[in-house]
Amino acid sequence: MSEKKKPNPHAGHRNRMRERFLKEGGASFEKHELLELLLYNTIPMQNTNVIAHRLLDSFNNSLTMLINSDHRDIVEKGNVSTNTAVFLNVLAEMLKRCQKETLQQKVALNGIEKSGEYALNLLKYETTEKFYMLCLDAASNLIKVIDIAQGSQSRVQIELPTVVREALFCNAVSVIFAHNHPGGTLHPSNADIELTIRLKEALDTMNIYVMDHIITTNDNYFSFVKQGLMKQITQK
């Protein structure tokens, strides 16, 4: 007499996870469960719960760090295919663009706190240094966010003619500069201060007012105006 085959406790697991998501929404899922569900799209016929845990463990339990990491690091540390790593990187880029679309909506940046929080939200998914110019109208309403430059984890190269041209194209009355320090150092470097001076001088010739320069880290920001640096630059 043959032994009865034991039922597979994992049979139908993926369908149950999808149905749960449709019924309850994503808020009820732990981060590893969301990642597990996401990995169904690139990893067939495997236990993606185990893979999700391995990926998170390899990137400090941070979804942000995971999807924004270089695809080669994801492959090596997570022991996944290049296809899966690229899928996660594409997701990261889509999240950035969704964030920027939301931030592009009309908003008044008429105070240091508003500008600082806006810059934090704009730059929070970036893992390399990015430099933005926020173009404002006469009422300090945001007209457009201009991506001026991007670089490595420690520096960007800014072209003054590009900054002036973009500000003029937007009919900006004033601008706010914002860039991040991925390394975590909040205070401006001497190069940051010198750059701000040169940017202000170039825009002054076009009667475009530089309201502030904001530097962000993961969870904090430095305002040139709040710390008195813009006043010192203006007096030079």
C-alpha atoms as a PDB file:
ATOM      1  CA  MET A   1       0.000   0.000   0.000  1.00  0.00           C
ATOM      2  CA  SER A   2       1.523   3.315  -1.032  1.00  0.00           C
ATOM      3  CA  GLU A   3       1.947   6.077   1.492  1.00  0.00           C
ATOM      4  CA  LYS A   4      -0.420   9.002   1.032  1.00  0.00           C
ATOM      5  CA  LYS A   5       1.273  12.120  -0.276  1.00  0.00           C
ATOM      6  CA  LYS A   6       1.312  14.854   2.329  1.00  0.00           C
ATOM      7  CA  PRO A   7      -0.263  18.131   1.239  1.00  0.00           C
ATOM      8  CA  ASN A   8       2.134  20.978   0.510  1.00  0.00           C
ATOM      9  CA  PRO A   9       1.496  23.704   3.159  1.00  0.00           C
ATOM     10  CA  HIS A  10       2.928  26.311   0.777  1.00  0.00           C
ATOM     11  CA  ALA A  11       0.672  25.453  -2.150  1.00  0.00           C
ATOM     12  CA  GLY A  12      -1.346  28.489  -3.190  1.00  0.00           C
ATOM     13  CA  HIS A  13       0.723  30.809  -0.984  1.00  0.00           C
ATOM     14  CA  ARG A  14       1.287  33.377  -3.716  1.00  0.00           C
ATOM     15  CA  ASN A  15      -2.386  33.553  -4.573  1.00  0.00           C
ATOM     16  CA  ARG A  16      -3.254  33.952  -0.889  1.00  0.00           C
ATOM     17  CA  MET A  17      -0.739  36.802  -0.582  1.00  0.00           C
ATOM     18  CA  ARG A  18      -2.173  38.570  -3.618  1.00  0.00           C
ATOM     19  CA  GLU A  19      -5.712  38.131  -2.382  1.00  0.00           C
ATOM     20  CA  ARG A  20      -4.742  39.474   1.009  1.00  0.00           C
ATOM     21  CA  PHE A  21      -3.175  42.530  -0.635  1.00  0.00           C
ATOM     22  CA  LEU A  22      -6.317  43.156  -2.681  1.00  0.00           C
ATOM     23  CA  LYS A  23      -8.531  42.753   0.377  1.00  0.00           C
ATOM     24  CA  GLU A  24      -6.503  44.577   3.047  1.00  0.00           C
ATOM     25  CA  GLY A  25      -4.204  46.874   1.079  1.00  0.00           C
ATOM     26  CA  GLY A  26      -0.481  47.267   1.552  1.00  0.00           C
ATOM     27  CA  ALA A  27      -0.591  48.996   4.934  1.00  0.00           C
ATOM     28  CA  SER A  28      -1.205  45.693   6.714  1.00  0.00           C
ATOM     29  CA  PHE A  29       1.945  44.119   5.257  1.00  0.00           C
ATOM     30  CA  GLU A  30       5.353  44.072   6.923  1.00  0.00           C
ATOM     31  CA  LYS A  31       8.162  45.412   4.733  1.00  0.00           C
ATOM     32  CA  HIS A  32       9.561  41.933   4.054  1.00  0.00           C
ATOM     33  CA  GLU A  33       6.097  40.786   2.966  1.00  0.00           C
ATOM     34  CA  LEU A  34       5.754  43.672   0.509  1.00  0.00           C
ATOM     35  CA  LEU A  35       9.170  42.844  -0.893  1.00  0.00           C
ATOM     36  CA  GLU A  36       8.222  39.166  -1.063  1.00  0.00           C
ATOM     37  CA  LEU A  37       5.112  40.069  -3.062  1.00  0.00           C
ATOM     38  CA  LEU A  38       7.093  42.378  -5.340  1.00  0.00           C
ATOM     39  CA  LEU A  39       9.644  39.657  -6.104  1.00  0.00           C
ATOM     40  CA  TYR A  40       6.928  37.423  -7.553  1.00  0.00           C
ATOM     41  CA  ASN A  41       7.350  39.510 -10.715  1.00  0.00           C
ATOM     42  CA  THR A  42      10.945  38.402 -11.352  1.00  0.00           C
ATOM     43  CA  ILE A  43      11.429  35.169  -9.372  1.00  0.00           C
ATOM     44  CA  PRO A  44       9.134  32.281 -10.308  1.00  0.00           C
ATOM     45  CA  MET A  45       8.801  29.012  -8.413  1.00  0.00           C
ATOM     46  CA  GLN A  46      10.902  30.037  -5.395  1.00  0.00           C
ATOM     47  CA  ASN A  47      10.241  31.042  -1.806  1.00  0.00           C
ATOM     48  CA  THR A  48      10.610  34.793  -2.140  1.00  0.00           C
ATOM     49  CA  ASN A  49       9.939  35.285   1.575  1.00  0.00           C
ATOM     50  CA  VAL A  50      13.404  33.870   2.281  1.00  0.00           C
ATOM     51  CA  ILE A  51      14.916  36.003  -0.486  1.00  0.00           C
ATOM     52  CA  ALA A  52      13.187  39.137   0.819  1.00  0.00           C
ATOM     53  CA  HIS A  53      14.626  38.579   4.289  1.00  0.00           C
ATOM     54  CA  ARG A  54      18.084  37.995   2.821  1.00  0.00           C
ATOM     55  CA  LEU A  55      17.943  41.196   0.772  1.00  0.00           C
ATOM     56  CA  LEU A  56      16.809  43.302   3.721  1.00  0.00           C
ATOM     57  CA  ASP A  57      19.429  41.782   6.005  1.00  0.00           C
ATOM     58  CA  SER A  58      22.088  42.661   3.409  1.00  0.00           C
ATOM     59  CA  PHE A  59      21.014  46.315   3.275  1.00  0.00           C
ATOM     60  CA  ASN A  60      20.504  47.253   6.942  1.00  0.00           C
ATOM     61  CA  ASN A  61      16.801  46.343   6.836  1.00  0.00           C
ATOM     62  CA  SER A  62      16.234  49.411   4.648  1.00  0.00           C
ATOM     63  CA  LEU A  63      14.029  49.270   1.571  1.00  0.00           C
ATOM     64  CA  THR A  64      15.335  52.678   0.527  1.00  0.00           C
ATOM     65  CA  MET A  65      18.956  51.547   0.700  1.00  0.00           C
ATOM     66  CA  LEU A  66      18.137  48.306  -1.095  1.00  0.00           C
ATOM     67  CA  ILE A  67      16.350  49.666  -4.149  1.00  0.00           C
ATOM     68  CA  ASN A  68      18.740  52.608  -4.541  1.00  0.00           C
ATOM     69  CA  SER A  69      21.903  50.505  -4.341  1.00  0.00           C
ATOM     70  CA  ASP A  70      23.965  49.698  -7.411  1.00  0.00           C
ATOM     71  CA  HIS A  71      22.494  46.672  -9.185  1.00  0.00           C
ATOM     72  CA  ARG A  72      25.821  44.844  -8.891  1.00  0.00           C
ATOM     73  CA  ASP A  73      25.741  45.181  -5.100  1.00  0.00           C
ATOM     74  CA  ILE A  74      22.181  43.868  -5.024  1.00  0.00           C
ATOM     75  CA  VAL A  75      23.198  40.841  -7.096  1.00  0.00           C
ATOM     76  CA  GLU A  76      26.268  40.110  -4.982  1.00  0.00           C
ATOM     77  CA  LYS A  77      24.868  40.747  -1.497  1.00  0.00           C
ATOM     78  CA  GLY A  78      21.375  39.422  -2.103  1.00  0.00           C
ATOM     79  CA  ASN A  79      22.334  36.482  -4.317  1.00  0.00           C
ATOM     80  CA  VAL A  80      19.684  37.389  -6.880  1.00  0.00           C
ATOM     81  CA  SER A  81      19.717  37.737 -10.665  1.00  0.00           C
ATOM     82  CA  THR A  82      20.621  40.900 -12.545  1.00  0.00           C
ATOM     83  CA  ASN A  83      17.025  40.972 -13.770  1.00  0.00           C
ATOM     84  CA  THR A  84      15.751  41.238 -10.192  1.00  0.00           C
ATOM     85  CA  ALA A  85      18.342  43.885  -9.289  1.00  0.00           C
ATOM     86  CA  VAL A  86      17.417  46.013 -12.317  1.00  0.00           C
ATOM     87  CA  PHE A  87      13.723  45.606 -11.462  1.00  0.00           C
ATOM     88  CA  LEU A  88      14.381  47.050  -7.992  1.00  0.00           C
ATOM     89  CA  ASN A  89      16.428  49.927  -9.459  1.00  0.00           C
ATOM     90  CA  VAL A  90      13.619  50.752 -11.905  1.00  0.00           C
ATOM     91  CA  LEU A  91      11.215  50.810  -8.961  1.00  0.00           C
ATOM     92  CA  ALA A  92      13.520  53.271  -7.181  1.00  0.00           C
ATOM     93  CA  GLU A  93      13.578  55.582 -10.207  1.00  0.00           C
ATOM     94  CA  MET A  94       9.785  55.468 -10.495  1.00  0.00           C
ATOM     95  CA  LEU A  95       9.431  56.391  -6.816  1.00  0.00           C
ATOM     96  CA  LYS A  96      11.751  59.352  -7.321  1.00  0.00           C
ATOM     97  CA  ARG A  97       9.723  60.569 -10.274  1.00  0.00           C
ATOM     98  CA  CYS A  98       6.436  60.137  -8.420  1.00  0.00           C
ATOM     99  CA  GLN A  99       7.887  62.169  -5.571  1.00  0.00           C
ATOM    100  CA  LYS A 100       8.996  64.921  -7.953  1.00  0.00           C
ATOM    101  CA  GLU A 101       5.599  65.027  -9.685  1.00  0.00           C
ATOM    102  CA  THR A 102       3.956  65.549  -6.314  1.00  0.00           C
ATOM    103  CA  LEU A 103       6.453  68.221  -5.353  1.00  0.00           C
ATOM    104  CA  GLN A 104       6.057  70.041  -8.671  1.00  0.00           C
ATOM    105  CA  GLN A 105       2.505  70.973  -7.744  1.00  0.00           C
ATOM    106  CA  LYS A 106       1.989  74.620  -6.934  1.00  0.00           C
ATOM    107  CA  VAL A 107       3.303  75.391  -3.478  1.00  0.00           C
ATOM    108  CA  ALA A 108       4.415  78.564  -1.719  1.00  0.00           C
ATOM    109  CA  LEU A 109       7.977  78.443  -0.432  1.00  0.00           C
ATOM    110  CA  ASN A 110       7.709  81.630   1.559  1.00  0.00           C
ATOM    111  CA  GLY A 111       9.546  80.585   4.692  1.00  0.00           C
ATOM    112  CA  ILE A 112      12.677  78.786   5.827  1.00  0.00           C
ATOM    113  CA  GLU A 113      10.800  75.826   7.315  1.00  0.00           C
ATOM    114  CA  LYS A 114       8.686  75.328   4.191  1.00  0.00           C
ATOM    115  CA  SER A 115      11.747  75.502   1.953  1.00  0.00           C
ATOM    116  CA  GLY A 116      13.749  73.190   4.199  1.00  0.00           C
ATOM    117  CA  GLU A 117      11.039  70.543   4.391  1.00  0.00           C
ATOM    118  CA  TYR A 118      10.504  70.756   0.643  1.00  0.00           C
ATOM    119  CA  ALA A 119      14.225  70.237  -0.001  1.00  0.00           C
ATOM    120  CA  LEU A 120      14.273  67.258   2.375  1.00  0.00           C
ATOM    121  CA  ASN A 121      11.408  65.596   0.520  1.00  0.00           C
ATOM    122  CA  LEU A 122      12.934  66.377  -2.857  1.00  0.00           C
ATOM    123  CA  LEU A 123      16.296  64.824  -2.036  1.00  0.00           C
ATOM    124  CA  LYS A 124      15.439  62.042   0.381  1.00  0.00           C
ATOM    125  CA  TYR A 125      15.752  59.170  -2.108  1.00  0.00           C
ATOM    126  CA  GLU A 126      19.074  60.314  -3.557  1.00  0.00           C
ATOM    127  CA  THR A 127      22.234  58.326  -2.827  1.00  0.00           C
ATOM    128  CA  THR A 128      24.589  60.529  -4.844  1.00  0.00           C
ATOM    129  CA  GLU A 129      24.980  64.284  -4.642  1.00  0.00           C
ATOM    130  CA  LYS A 130      22.291  66.201  -6.575  1.00  0.00           C
ATOM    131  CA  PHE A 131      21.914  69.945  -7.064  1.00  0.00           C
ATOM    132  CA  TYR A 132      18.514  71.538  -7.709  1.00  0.00           C
ATOM    133  CA  MET A 133      17.291  75.060  -8.351  1.00  0.00           C
ATOM    134  CA  LEU A 134      13.768  75.922  -7.223  1.00  0.00           C
ATOM    135  CA  CYS A 135      12.397  78.713  -9.407  1.00  0.00           C
ATOM    136  CA  LEU A 136       9.815  80.985  -7.786  1.00  0.00           C
ATOM    137  CA  ASP A 137       7.449  83.730  -8.916  1.00  0.00           C
ATOM    138  CA  ALA A 138       6.914  87.126  -7.278  1.00  0.00           C
ATOM    139  CA  ALA A 139       4.705  85.572  -4.570  1.00  0.00           C
ATOM    140  CA  SER A 140       7.306  82.858  -3.819  1.00  0.00           C
ATOM    141  CA  ASN A 141       5.151  80.207  -5.471  1.00  0.00           C
ATOM    142  CA  LEU A 142       7.113  77.376  -7.021  1.00  0.00           C
ATOM    143  CA  ILE A 143       7.253  77.577 -10.811  1.00  0.00           C
ATOM    144  CA  LYS A 144       9.570  74.683 -11.571  1.00  0.00           C
ATOM    145  CA  VAL A 145      12.237  72.440 -10.046  1.00  0.00           C
ATOM    146  CA  ILE A 146      15.359  72.382 -12.204  1.00  0.00           C
ATOM    147  CA  ASP A 147      17.782  69.462 -11.980  1.00  0.00           C
ATOM    148  CA  ILE A 148      21.037  71.381 -12.386  1.00  0.00           C
ATOM    149  CA  ALA A 149      23.604  68.653 -11.823  1.00  0.00           C
ATOM    150  CA  GLN A 150      24.322  65.284 -10.320  1.00  0.00           C
ATOM    151  CA  GLY A 151      27.619  63.790  -9.322  1.00  0.00           C
ATOM    152  CA  SER A 152      29.293  61.333  -7.014  1.00  0.00           C
ATOM    153  CA  GLN A 153      28.768  60.830  -3.295  1.00  0.00           C
ATOM    154  CA  SER A 154      30.878  63.887  -2.554  1.00  0.00           C
ATOM    155  CA  ARG A 155      30.676  66.503  -5.322  1.00  0.00           C
ATOM    156  CA  VAL A 156      28.843  67.916  -8.316  1.00  0.00           C
ATOM    157  CA  GLN A 157      29.990  70.174 -11.131  1.00  0.00           C
ATOM    158  CA  ILE A 158      27.887  73.318 -11.604  1.00  0.00           C
ATOM    159  CA  GLU A 159      27.935  75.382 -14.813  1.00  0.00           C
ATOM    160  CA  LEU A 160      26.972  79.007 -14.102  1.00  0.00           C
ATOM    161  CA  PRO A 161      25.629  79.736 -17.626  1.00  0.00           C
ATOM    162  CA  THR A 162      23.268  76.757 -17.294  1.00  0.00           C
ATOM    163  CA  VAL A 163      21.913  78.065 -13.998  1.00  0.00           C
ATOM    164  CA  VAL A 164      21.294  81.548 -15.397  1.00  0.00           C
ATOM    165  CA  ARG A 165      19.726  80.232 -18.609  1.00  0.00           C
ATOM    166  CA  GLU A 166      17.327  77.911 -16.789  1.00  0.00           C
ATOM    167  CA  ALA A 167      16.255  80.630 -14.347  1.00  0.00           C
ATOM    168  CA  LEU A 168      15.548  83.015 -17.236  1.00  0.00           C
ATOM    169  CA  PHE A 169      13.584  80.386 -19.173  1.00  0.00           C
ATOM    170  CA  CYS A 170      11.318  79.946 -16.138  1.00  0.00           C
ATOM    171  CA  ASN A 171      10.829  83.710 -15.722  1.00  0.00           C
ATOM    172  CA  ALA A 172      11.975  83.230 -12.149  1.00  0.00           C
ATOM    173  CA  VAL A 173      11.848  86.246  -9.864  1.00  0.00           C
ATOM    174  CA  SER A 174      13.814  84.396  -7.197  1.00  0.00           C
ATOM    175  CA  VAL A 175      15.430  81.000  -6.694  1.00  0.00           C
ATOM    176  CA  ILE A 176      16.366  78.637  -3.895  1.00  0.00           C
ATOM    177  CA  PHE A 177      19.257  76.236  -4.332  1.00  0.00           C
ATOM    178  CA  ALA A 178      19.105  72.803  -2.725  1.00  0.00           C
ATOM    179  CA  HIS A 179      21.607  70.001  -2.688  1.00  0.00           C
ATOM    180  CA  ASN A 180      22.340  66.972  -0.555  1.00  0.00           C
ATOM    181  CA  HIS A 181      25.328  65.578   1.288  1.00  0.00           C
ATOM    182  CA  PRO A 182      24.934  61.773   1.055  1.00  0.00           C
ATOM    183  CA  GLY A 183      27.899  61.331   3.380  1.00  0.00           C
ATOM    184  CA  GLY A 184      25.898  62.833   6.228  1.00  0.00           C
ATOM    185  CA  THR A 185      27.839  66.071   6.849  1.00  0.00           C
ATOM    186  CA  LEU A 186      25.202  68.751   7.282  1.00  0.00           C
ATOM    187  CA  HIS A 187      27.288  71.927   7.272  1.00  0.00           C
ATOM    188  CA  PRO A 188      28.448  73.554   4.021  1.00  0.00           C
ATOM    189  CA  SER A 189      31.996  73.139   2.829  1.00  0.00           C
ATOM    190  CA  ASN A 190      34.140  76.070   1.725  1.00  0.00           C
ATOM    191  CA  ALA A 191      33.393  74.973  -1.840  1.00  0.00           C
ATOM    192  CA  ASP A 192      29.628  75.183  -1.111  1.00  0.00           C
ATOM    193  CA  ILE A 193      30.014  78.728   0.184  1.00  0.00           C
ATOM    194  CA  GLU A 194      32.180  79.809  -2.758  1.00  0.00           C
ATOM    195  CA  LEU A 195      29.702  78.287  -5.196  1.00  0.00           C
ATOM    196  CA  THR A 196      26.820  80.158  -3.564  1.00  0.00           C
ATOM    197  CA  ILE A 197      28.721  83.431  -3.895  1.00  0.00           C
ATOM    198  CA  ARG A 198      29.354  82.815  -7.608  1.00  0.00           C
ATOM    199  CA  LEU A 199      25.751  81.771  -8.226  1.00  0.00           C
ATOM    200  CA  LYS A 200      24.431  84.862  -6.487  1.00  0.00           C
ATOM    201  CA  GLU A 201      26.750  87.158  -8.431  1.00  0.00           C
ATOM    202  CA  ALA A 202      25.689  85.582 -11.745  1.00  0.00           C
ATOM    203  CA  LEU A 203      21.962  85.837 -10.993  1.00  0.00           C
ATOM    204  CA  ASP A 204      22.239  89.353  -9.564  1.00  0.00           C
ATOM    205  CA  THR A 205      23.204  90.557 -13.053  1.00  0.00           C
ATOM    206  CA  MET A 206      19.794  89.310 -14.247  1.00  0.00           C
ATOM    207  CA  ASN A 207      17.906  90.774 -11.272  1.00  0.00           C
ATOM    208  CA  ILE A 208      17.040  87.291 -10.011  1.00  0.00           C
ATOM    209  CA  TYR A 209      17.142  87.095  -6.229  1.00  0.00           C
ATOM    210  CA  VAL A 210      18.764  84.126  -4.461  1.00  0.00           C
ATOM    211  CA  MET A 211      16.508  83.491  -1.476  1.00  0.00           C
ATOM    212  CA  ASP A 212      18.416  80.636   0.149  1.00  0.00           C
ATOM    213  CA  HIS A 213      20.722  77.684  -0.302  1.00  0.00           C
ATOM    214  CA  ILE A 214      19.663  74.546   1.557  1.00  0.00           C
ATOM    215  CA  ILE A 215      21.811  71.500   2.227  1.00  0.00           C
ATOM    216  CA  THR A 216      20.156  68.258   3.262  1.00  0.00           C
ATOM    217  CA  THR A 217      21.164  64.977   4.822  1.00  0.00           C
ATOM    218  CA  ASN A 218      18.820  62.031   5.353  1.00  0.00           C
ATOM    219  CA  ASP A 219      16.736  63.701   8.052  1.00  0.00           C
ATOM    220  CA  ASN A 220      17.903  67.275   8.519  1.00  0.00           C
ATOM    221  CA  TYR A 221      18.687  70.432   6.593  1.00  0.00           C
ATOM    222  CA  PHE A 222      20.978  73.468   6.787  1.00  0.00           C
ATOM    223  CA  SER A 223      19.662  76.848   5.620  1.00  0.00           C
ATOM    224  CA  PHE A 224      22.160  79.541   4.611  1.00  0.00           C
ATOM    225  CA  VAL A 225      19.573  82.162   5.573  1.00  0.00           C
ATOM    226  CA  LYS A 226      18.764  80.679   8.979  1.00  0.00           C
ATOM    227  CA  GLN A 227      22.451  80.381   9.856  1.00  0.00           C
ATOM    228  CA  GLY A 228      23.259  83.934   8.675  1.00  0.00           C
ATOM    229  CA  LEU A 229      25.461  82.880   5.764  1.00  0.00           C
ATOM    230  CA  MET A 230      23.339  84.532   3.071  1.00  0.00           C
ATOM    231  CA  LYS A 231      23.618  87.834   4.884  1.00  0.00           C
ATOM    232  CA  GLN A 232      27.399  87.469   5.039  1.00  0.00           C
ATOM    233  CA  ILE A 233      27.536  86.619   1.326  1.00  0.00           C
ATOM    234  CA  THR A 234      25.345  89.609   0.441  1.00  0.00           C
ATOM    235  CA  GLN A 235      27.616  91.960   2.366  1.00  0.00           C
ATOM    236  CA  LYS A 236      30.750  90.790   0.520  1.00  0.00           C
END
